[in-house]
Amino acid sequence: MLSMIIFGAVGVFAKYIDMSSSKIALFLSLIGCLFLLVVFIWTKQKVFGQRVKMNAVALFIASVALSGN
């Protein structure tokens, strides 16, 4: 729910930021990546290559959908 609120409000803030939309998207992605990295470190979870390979199709479709958004 919080994620929807944050990313839904991006348009309001992006209007007043003097940056291209691609740079804003890059920085939002980096912030999200860093947040997930902190969560993984805090919960002491590991990312296994086998699990990523098993879900490769779903991950690819999700990444295409996010980049198209």
N, C-alpha and C. Protein backbone atom coordinates (compact mmCIF):
# COMPACT_ATOMS: atom_id res chain seq x y z
N MET A 1 0.83 -1.18 0.00
CA MET A 1 0.00 0.00 0.00
C MET A 1 0.88 1.26 0.00
N LEU A 2 1.91 1.23 0.82
CA LEU A 2 2.82 2.37 0.89
C LEU A 2 3.53 2.59 -0.44
N SER A 3 3.90 1.49 -1.09
CA SER A 3 4.56 1.57 -2.39
C SER A 3 3.65 2.24 -3.42
N MET A 4 2.38 1.89 -3.42
CA MET A 4 1.44 2.49 -4.36
C MET A 4 1.29 3.99 -4.10
N ILE A 5 1.27 4.37 -2.85
CA ILE A 5 1.16 5.80 -2.53
C ILE A 5 2.41 6.55 -2.98
N ILE A 6 3.58 5.97 -2.69
CA ILE A 6 4.83 6.65 -3.06
C ILE A 6 4.95 6.79 -4.57
N PHE A 7 4.76 5.69 -5.30
CA PHE A 7 4.91 5.77 -6.75
C PHE A 7 3.76 6.49 -7.42
N GLY A 8 2.61 6.55 -6.77
CA GLY A 8 1.51 7.34 -7.30
C GLY A 8 1.75 8.83 -7.17
N ALA A 9 2.52 9.22 -6.18
CA ALA A 9 2.82 10.63 -5.95
C ALA A 9 4.02 11.11 -6.75
N VAL A 10 4.67 10.24 -7.47
CA VAL A 10 5.87 10.61 -8.22
C VAL A 10 5.56 11.69 -9.25
N GLY A 11 4.42 11.57 -9.91
CA GLY A 11 4.07 12.55 -10.93
C GLY A 11 3.96 13.96 -10.39
N VAL A 12 3.47 14.09 -9.18
CA VAL A 12 3.34 15.41 -8.57
C VAL A 12 4.72 16.02 -8.33
N PHE A 13 5.64 15.20 -7.81
CA PHE A 13 6.98 15.71 -7.53
C PHE A 13 7.81 15.87 -8.80
N ALA A 14 7.62 14.99 -9.77
CA ALA A 14 8.39 15.05 -11.01
C ALA A 14 8.09 16.33 -11.78
N LYS A 15 6.91 16.87 -11.60
CA LYS A 15 6.54 18.11 -12.29
C LYS A 15 7.44 19.27 -11.85
N TYR A 16 7.88 19.24 -10.61
CA TYR A 16 8.68 20.34 -10.06
C TYR A 16 10.18 20.04 -10.04
N ILE A 17 10.59 18.86 -10.50
CA ILE A 17 12.00 18.51 -10.54
C ILE A 17 12.52 18.78 -11.95
N ASP A 18 13.64 19.47 -12.03
CA ASP A 18 14.21 19.81 -13.33
C ASP A 18 15.13 18.68 -13.81
N MET A 19 14.52 17.53 -14.08
CA MET A 19 15.26 16.37 -14.59
C MET A 19 14.38 15.67 -15.62
N SER A 20 15.03 14.91 -16.49
CA SER A 20 14.24 14.14 -17.47
C SER A 20 13.55 12.98 -16.76
N SER A 21 12.52 12.49 -17.39
CA SER A 21 11.76 11.39 -16.78
C SER A 21 12.59 10.12 -16.66
N SER A 22 13.52 9.91 -17.59
CA SER A 22 14.36 8.72 -17.51
C SER A 22 15.31 8.79 -16.31
N LYS A 23 15.81 9.98 -16.00
CA LYS A 23 16.68 10.12 -14.83
C LYS A 23 15.90 9.92 -13.54
N ILE A 24 14.70 10.44 -13.50
CA ILE A 24 13.85 10.26 -12.32
C ILE A 24 13.55 8.78 -12.12
N ALA A 25 13.23 8.08 -13.21
CA ALA A 25 12.96 6.64 -13.12
C ALA A 25 14.20 5.88 -12.67
N LEU A 26 15.37 6.29 -13.15
CA LEU A 26 16.62 5.64 -12.74
C LEU A 26 16.84 5.81 -11.24
N PHE A 27 16.69 7.02 -10.74
CA PHE A 27 16.91 7.26 -9.32
C PHE A 27 15.87 6.54 -8.45
N LEU A 28 14.63 6.47 -8.91
CA LEU A 28 13.62 5.73 -8.16
C LEU A 28 13.96 4.24 -8.12
N SER A 29 14.45 3.72 -9.23
CA SER A 29 14.86 2.32 -9.27
C SER A 29 16.04 2.06 -8.35
N LEU A 30 16.99 2.97 -8.33
CA LEU A 30 18.15 2.82 -7.44
C LEU A 30 17.73 2.87 -5.97
N ILE A 31 16.81 3.76 -5.65
CA ILE A 31 16.32 3.84 -4.27
C ILE A 31 15.61 2.55 -3.89
N GLY A 32 14.79 2.03 -4.79
CA GLY A 32 14.11 0.77 -4.53
C GLY A 32 15.08 -0.39 -4.37
N CYS A 33 16.11 -0.42 -5.20
CA CYS A 33 17.14 -1.46 -5.12
C CYS A 33 17.88 -1.40 -3.80
N LEU A 34 18.25 -0.20 -3.39
CA LEU A 34 18.95 -0.04 -2.10
C LEU A 34 18.05 -0.44 -0.94
N PHE A 35 16.77 -0.10 -1.03
CA PHE A 35 15.83 -0.49 0.02
C PHE A 35 15.73 -2.01 0.13
N LEU A 36 15.61 -2.68 -1.01
CA LEU A 36 15.53 -4.15 -1.00
C LEU A 36 16.83 -4.76 -0.49
N LEU A 37 17.95 -4.17 -0.84
CA LEU A 37 19.24 -4.65 -0.34
C LEU A 37 19.31 -4.56 1.17
N VAL A 38 18.85 -3.44 1.72
CA VAL A 38 18.82 -3.27 3.18
C VAL A 38 17.90 -4.30 3.82
N VAL A 39 16.74 -4.54 3.21
CA VAL A 39 15.80 -5.52 3.75
C VAL A 39 16.42 -6.92 3.74
N PHE A 40 17.08 -7.28 2.64
CA PHE A 40 17.71 -8.59 2.56
C PHE A 40 18.82 -8.74 3.59
N ILE A 41 19.61 -7.70 3.78
CA ILE A 41 20.69 -7.76 4.77
C ILE A 41 20.11 -7.83 6.17
N TRP A 42 19.08 -7.04 6.44
CA TRP A 42 18.49 -6.99 7.77
C TRP A 42 17.83 -8.32 8.16
N THR A 43 17.16 -8.94 7.20
CA THR A 43 16.49 -10.21 7.48
C THR A 43 17.41 -11.41 7.27
N LYS A 44 18.63 -11.16 6.85
CA LYS A 44 19.66 -12.20 6.64
C LYS A 44 19.22 -13.25 5.63
N GLN A 45 18.52 -12.80 4.59
CA GLN A 45 18.12 -13.70 3.51
C GLN A 45 19.16 -13.65 2.41
N LYS A 46 19.26 -14.74 1.69
CA LYS A 46 20.19 -14.81 0.57
C LYS A 46 19.40 -14.97 -0.73
N VAL A 47 19.95 -14.44 -1.80
CA VAL A 47 19.36 -14.60 -3.11
C VAL A 47 20.07 -15.77 -3.78
N PHE A 48 19.33 -16.81 -4.07
CA PHE A 48 19.91 -17.99 -4.68
C PHE A 48 19.73 -17.93 -6.19
N GLY A 49 20.79 -18.23 -6.92
CA GLY A 49 20.74 -18.21 -8.38
C GLY A 49 19.72 -19.17 -8.94
N GLN A 50 19.53 -20.31 -8.29
CA GLN A 50 18.58 -21.30 -8.78
C GLN A 50 17.15 -20.77 -8.70
N ARG A 51 16.83 -20.05 -7.62
CA ARG A 51 15.48 -19.49 -7.49
C ARG A 51 15.24 -18.42 -8.54
N VAL A 52 16.27 -17.65 -8.86
CA VAL A 52 16.14 -16.62 -9.89
C VAL A 52 15.91 -17.28 -11.25
N LYS A 53 16.67 -18.36 -11.53
CA LYS A 53 16.50 -19.06 -12.80
C LYS A 53 15.12 -19.70 -12.92
N MET A 54 14.59 -20.22 -11.82
CA MET A 54 13.26 -20.84 -11.86
C MET A 54 12.18 -19.81 -12.17
N ASN A 55 12.37 -18.59 -11.73
CA ASN A 55 11.38 -17.53 -11.93
C ASN A 55 11.79 -16.54 -13.02
N ALA A 56 12.68 -16.95 -13.90
CA ALA A 56 13.23 -16.04 -14.90
C ALA A 56 12.15 -15.47 -15.82
N VAL A 57 11.22 -16.27 -16.23
CA VAL A 57 10.18 -15.79 -17.15
C VAL A 57 9.31 -14.74 -16.47
N ALA A 58 8.89 -15.03 -15.24
CA ALA A 58 8.05 -14.07 -14.51
C ALA A 58 8.82 -12.79 -14.22
N LEU A 59 10.10 -12.91 -13.88
CA LEU A 59 10.92 -11.72 -13.62
C LEU A 59 11.09 -10.88 -14.89
N PHE A 60 11.27 -11.55 -16.01
CA PHE A 60 11.43 -10.83 -17.27
C PHE A 60 10.14 -10.09 -17.64
N ILE A 61 9.02 -10.75 -17.51
CA ILE A 61 7.74 -10.11 -17.83
C ILE A 61 7.49 -8.92 -16.88
N ALA A 62 7.81 -9.09 -15.60
CA ALA A 62 7.62 -8.00 -14.65
C ALA A 62 8.54 -6.82 -14.98
N SER A 63 9.78 -7.10 -15.38
CA SER A 63 10.69 -6.01 -15.71
C SER A 63 10.27 -5.27 -16.98
N VAL A 64 9.74 -6.01 -17.95
CA VAL A 64 9.23 -5.36 -19.17
C VAL A 64 8.04 -4.48 -18.83
N ALA A 65 7.14 -4.99 -17.97
CA ALA A 65 5.97 -4.21 -17.59
C ALA A 65 6.37 -2.95 -16.82
N LEU A 66 7.35 -3.07 -15.94
CA LEU A 66 7.79 -1.90 -15.18
C LEU A 66 8.48 -0.88 -16.06
N SER A 67 9.31 -1.34 -16.98
CA SER A 67 10.00 -0.39 -17.85
C SER A 67 9.04 0.26 -18.84
N GLY A 68 7.96 -0.44 -19.20
CA GLY A 68 6.96 0.15 -20.09
C GLY A 68 6.10 1.16 -19.39
N ASN A 69 6.04 1.06 -18.08
CA ASN A 69 5.23 1.98 -17.30
C ASN A 69 5.94 3.31 -17.24
